């Protein structure tokens, strides 16, 4: 649940538990046929989501999580400070801590979605904006709020694909939403849910 509303995940999910530095940590394992590498996501409220490629063994998955133990525990402690509906604007230190990882996420997902679109762009930047998840400039620059890092991946994917599609249609016309639907067919529901999320 997210803010009292159900979120349907795109891939099969399983609830698992792992012991990290003597601390039991529950997590959601999501198996993706499209994933090429493992990915750890911490969402507000303190929930760990592990995305793994299809046919990856459970032992390999757990070894990966073990290697990231300190990162997982630190980010879980941080995320539990906030309710799932509120993403607080961080200061310079928080932004600096997460900017590189947010940029890596944005680059990886832009590359993934652009296999479908083939758009040309100039630069991907990470910002600490107060009221926007992302933007696309007429110069071909893609900008994303670093807090996409703390969203469930279906929301960060929607934001990234949305801004990428503005390279093809710099508007919100039917043609624009048709582009978005090529990679995010459930964009309408995700858009409604995302509007409920508060950035303060």
Protein backbone atom coordinates (compact mmCIF):
# COMPACT_ATOMS: atom_id res chain seq x y z
CA UNK A 1 0.00 0.00 0.00
CA UNK A 2 1.13 3.59 -0.67
CA UNK A 3 -0.82 6.37 0.96
CA UNK A 4 -3.88 4.13 1.40
CA UNK A 5 -4.12 3.21 -2.28
CA UNK A 6 -3.12 -0.07 -3.89
CA UNK A 7 -0.18 -0.07 -6.27
CA UNK A 8 -0.03 -2.93 -8.74
CA UNK A 9 3.56 -3.90 -9.38
CA UNK A 10 4.54 -4.78 -12.92
CA UNK A 11 6.57 -7.90 -12.06
CA UNK A 12 6.07 -10.92 -9.78
CA UNK A 13 6.82 -10.08 -6.14
CA UNK A 14 7.72 -12.16 -3.12
CA UNK A 15 8.11 -11.14 0.51
CA UNK A 16 11.48 -12.23 1.92
CA UNK A 17 13.63 -11.69 5.01
CA UNK A 18 17.37 -11.39 5.43
CA UNK A 19 19.67 -10.90 8.42
CA UNK A 20 22.03 -7.94 7.97
CA UNK A 21 24.57 -7.27 10.72
CA UNK A 22 22.38 -9.26 13.14
CA UNK A 23 19.34 -7.16 12.22
CA UNK A 24 16.36 -8.85 10.51
CA UNK A 25 15.35 -6.93 7.38
CA UNK A 26 12.16 -7.75 5.43
CA UNK A 27 12.22 -6.95 1.74
CA UNK A 28 10.15 -7.30 -1.39
CA UNK A 29 11.84 -9.32 -4.14
CA UNK A 30 10.70 -8.31 -7.60
CA UNK A 31 11.78 -10.48 -10.54
CA UNK A 32 12.04 -8.60 -13.83
CA UNK A 33 12.50 -10.11 -17.26
CA UNK A 34 13.90 -6.76 -18.42
CA UNK A 35 16.42 -6.19 -15.63
CA UNK A 36 20.06 -6.70 -16.59
CA UNK A 37 21.45 -6.17 -13.11
CA UNK A 38 20.27 -6.17 -9.52
CA UNK A 39 18.85 -3.01 -8.04
CA UNK A 40 18.08 -2.00 -4.45
CA UNK A 41 15.47 0.66 -3.75
CA UNK A 42 14.52 2.14 -0.38
CA UNK A 43 11.12 3.85 -0.36
CA UNK A 44 9.83 6.39 2.20
CA UNK A 45 8.53 4.71 5.30
CA UNK A 46 11.50 2.34 5.26
CA UNK A 47 10.76 -0.43 2.76
CA UNK A 48 13.47 -2.29 0.83
CA UNK A 49 12.63 -3.40 -2.71
CA UNK A 50 15.08 -5.71 -4.48
CA UNK A 51 14.76 -6.01 -8.26
CA UNK A 52 16.57 -8.97 -9.80
CA UNK A 53 16.90 -10.37 -13.34
CA UNK A 54 14.91 -13.48 -14.14
CA UNK A 55 16.58 -16.81 -13.30
CA UNK A 56 19.01 -15.28 -10.81
CA UNK A 57 19.53 -17.63 -7.87
CA UNK A 58 18.42 -16.70 -4.36
CA UNK A 59 21.98 -17.18 -3.05
CA UNK A 60 23.33 -14.68 -5.61
CA UNK A 61 20.62 -12.20 -4.65
CA UNK A 62 21.41 -12.51 -0.95
CA UNK A 63 25.15 -12.18 -1.53
CA UNK A 64 24.48 -8.90 -3.34
CA UNK A 65 22.34 -7.61 -0.46
CA UNK A 66 24.99 -8.68 2.09
CA UNK A 67 27.62 -6.64 0.24
CA UNK A 68 25.34 -3.59 0.50
CA UNK A 69 24.46 -4.20 4.17
CA UNK A 70 25.73 -0.90 5.53
CA UNK A 71 24.11 1.10 2.73
CA UNK A 72 20.78 -0.73 3.21
CA UNK A 73 20.69 -0.21 6.98
CA UNK A 74 21.68 3.45 6.75
CA UNK A 75 19.07 4.21 4.07
CA UNK A 76 16.34 2.29 5.89
CA UNK A 77 16.99 4.29 9.06
CA UNK A 78 16.84 7.50 7.04
CA UNK A 79 13.68 6.58 5.12
CA UNK A 80 11.77 5.56 8.26
CA UNK A 81 11.88 9.19 9.40
CA UNK A 82 9.29 10.10 6.77
CA UNK A 83 5.75 8.97 6.12
CA UNK A 84 5.16 7.28 2.73
CA UNK A 85 3.28 10.34 1.46
CA UNK A 86 5.87 12.96 2.30
CA UNK A 87 9.23 13.40 0.66
CA UNK A 88 11.03 16.21 2.44
CA UNK A 89 13.33 18.54 0.56
CA UNK A 90 16.80 17.65 1.73
CA UNK A 91 19.63 20.01 2.51
CA UNK A 92 22.92 20.26 0.66
CA UNK A 93 24.45 17.35 2.55
CA UNK A 94 21.57 14.98 1.84
CA UNK A 95 21.53 16.01 -1.81
CA UNK A 96 25.29 15.47 -2.08
CA UNK A 97 25.00 12.01 -0.51
CA UNK A 98 22.39 10.80 -3.00
CA UNK A 99 23.07 12.79 -6.17
CA UNK A 100 25.49 10.30 -7.75
CA UNK A 101 23.22 7.33 -7.17
CA UNK A 102 20.20 9.22 -8.50
CA UNK A 103 22.19 10.15 -11.60
CA UNK A 104 23.21 6.53 -12.14
CA UNK A 105 19.56 5.48 -11.86
CA UNK A 106 18.42 8.18 -14.30
CA UNK A 107 21.13 7.33 -16.85
CA UNK A 108 20.40 3.60 -16.69
CA UNK A 109 16.64 4.03 -17.13
CA UNK A 110 16.96 6.70 -19.85
CA UNK A 111 19.22 4.31 -21.76
CA UNK A 112 16.72 1.51 -21.25
CA UNK A 113 13.69 3.48 -22.46
CA UNK A 114 15.56 5.16 -25.28
CA UNK A 115 16.09 1.76 -26.88
CA UNK A 116 12.43 2.17 -27.83
CA UNK A 117 12.43 5.88 -28.69
CA UNK A 118 15.88 6.67 -30.06
CA UNK A 119 15.71 10.34 -29.07
CA UNK A 120 18.77 12.59 -28.99
CA UNK A 121 19.47 14.57 -25.84
CA UNK A 122 22.32 16.67 -24.50
CA UNK A 123 22.60 16.16 -20.75
CA UNK A 124 21.03 14.39 -17.78
CA UNK A 125 21.11 16.42 -14.56
CA UNK A 126 20.01 15.76 -10.98
CA UNK A 127 18.40 18.62 -9.04
CA UNK A 128 17.09 19.30 -5.53
CA UNK A 129 13.89 21.06 -6.57
CA UNK A 130 10.99 21.69 -4.21
CA UNK A 131 7.99 20.95 -6.40
CA UNK A 132 9.00 19.08 -9.56
CA UNK A 133 9.96 15.47 -10.14
CA UNK A 134 11.53 16.19 -13.50
CA UNK A 135 11.71 18.47 -16.51
CA UNK A 136 12.89 18.57 -20.11
CA UNK A 137 14.30 21.72 -21.67
CA UNK A 138 13.94 22.77 -25.29
CA UNK A 139 17.72 22.45 -25.55
CA UNK A 140 17.37 18.70 -24.99
CA UNK A 141 18.44 18.54 -21.33
CA UNK A 142 16.73 16.09 -18.98
CA UNK A 143 16.49 17.06 -15.30
CA UNK A 144 15.33 14.88 -12.41
CA UNK A 145 14.72 15.40 -8.72
CA UNK A 146 17.21 13.33 -6.74
CA UNK A 147 14.34 11.94 -4.66
CA UNK A 148 13.27 9.70 -7.54
CA UNK A 149 15.79 7.44 -5.80
CA UNK A 150 13.35 6.95 -2.92
CA UNK A 151 10.29 6.18 -5.05
CA UNK A 152 9.08 2.69 -5.94
CA UNK A 153 10.60 1.92 -9.31
CA UNK A 154 7.31 2.03 -11.23
CA UNK A 155 7.03 5.73 -10.30
CA UNK A 156 10.63 6.63 -11.06
CA UNK A 157 10.29 4.78 -14.38
CA UNK A 158 7.17 6.79 -15.22
CA UNK A 159 8.88 10.10 -14.39
CA UNK A 160 11.96 9.25 -16.45
CA UNK A 161 9.99 7.98 -19.46
CA UNK A 162 7.66 10.99 -19.24
CA UNK A 163 10.48 13.52 -19.48
CA UNK A 164 12.24 11.52 -22.19
CA UNK A 165 9.08 11.59 -24.31
CA UNK A 166 9.06 15.39 -24.20
CA UNK A 167 12.04 15.18 -26.55
CA UNK A 168 9.55 13.90 -29.13
CA UNK A 169 6.53 16.00 -28.14
CA UNK A 170 7.17 19.14 -26.10
CA UNK A 171 3.57 19.22 -24.83
CA UNK A 172 0.93 16.98 -23.22
CA UNK A 173 -1.02 16.20 -26.36
CA UNK A 174 -2.52 12.85 -27.32
CA UNK A 175 0.59 12.18 -29.39
CA UNK A 176 2.73 12.73 -26.29
CA UNK A 177 0.73 10.27 -24.17
CA UNK A 178 0.82 7.76 -27.01
CA UNK A 179 4.61 7.93 -26.83
CA UNK A 180 4.59 7.42 -23.07
CA UNK A 181 2.25 4.42 -23.41
CA UNK A 182 4.81 2.60 -25.56
CA UNK A 183 6.94 1.93 -22.49
CA UNK A 184 4.60 2.77 -19.58
CA UNK A 185 1.18 1.37 -20.58
CA UNK A 186 -0.23 1.98 -17.08
CA UNK A 187 0.92 5.63 -17.05
CA UNK A 188 -2.54 7.05 -16.25
CA UNK A 189 -2.83 5.21 -12.94
CA UNK A 190 0.76 5.99 -12.00
CA UNK A 191 0.20 9.65 -12.82
CA UNK A 192 -2.84 9.81 -10.54
CA UNK A 193 -0.97 8.14 -7.67
CA UNK A 194 2.08 10.36 -8.12
CA UNK A 195 -0.05 13.49 -7.83
CA UNK A 196 -1.02 12.40 -4.31
CA UNK A 197 2.58 12.39 -3.18
CA UNK A 198 3.68 15.45 -1.30
CA UNK A 199 6.99 17.22 -1.77
CA UNK A 200 7.57 19.76 0.99
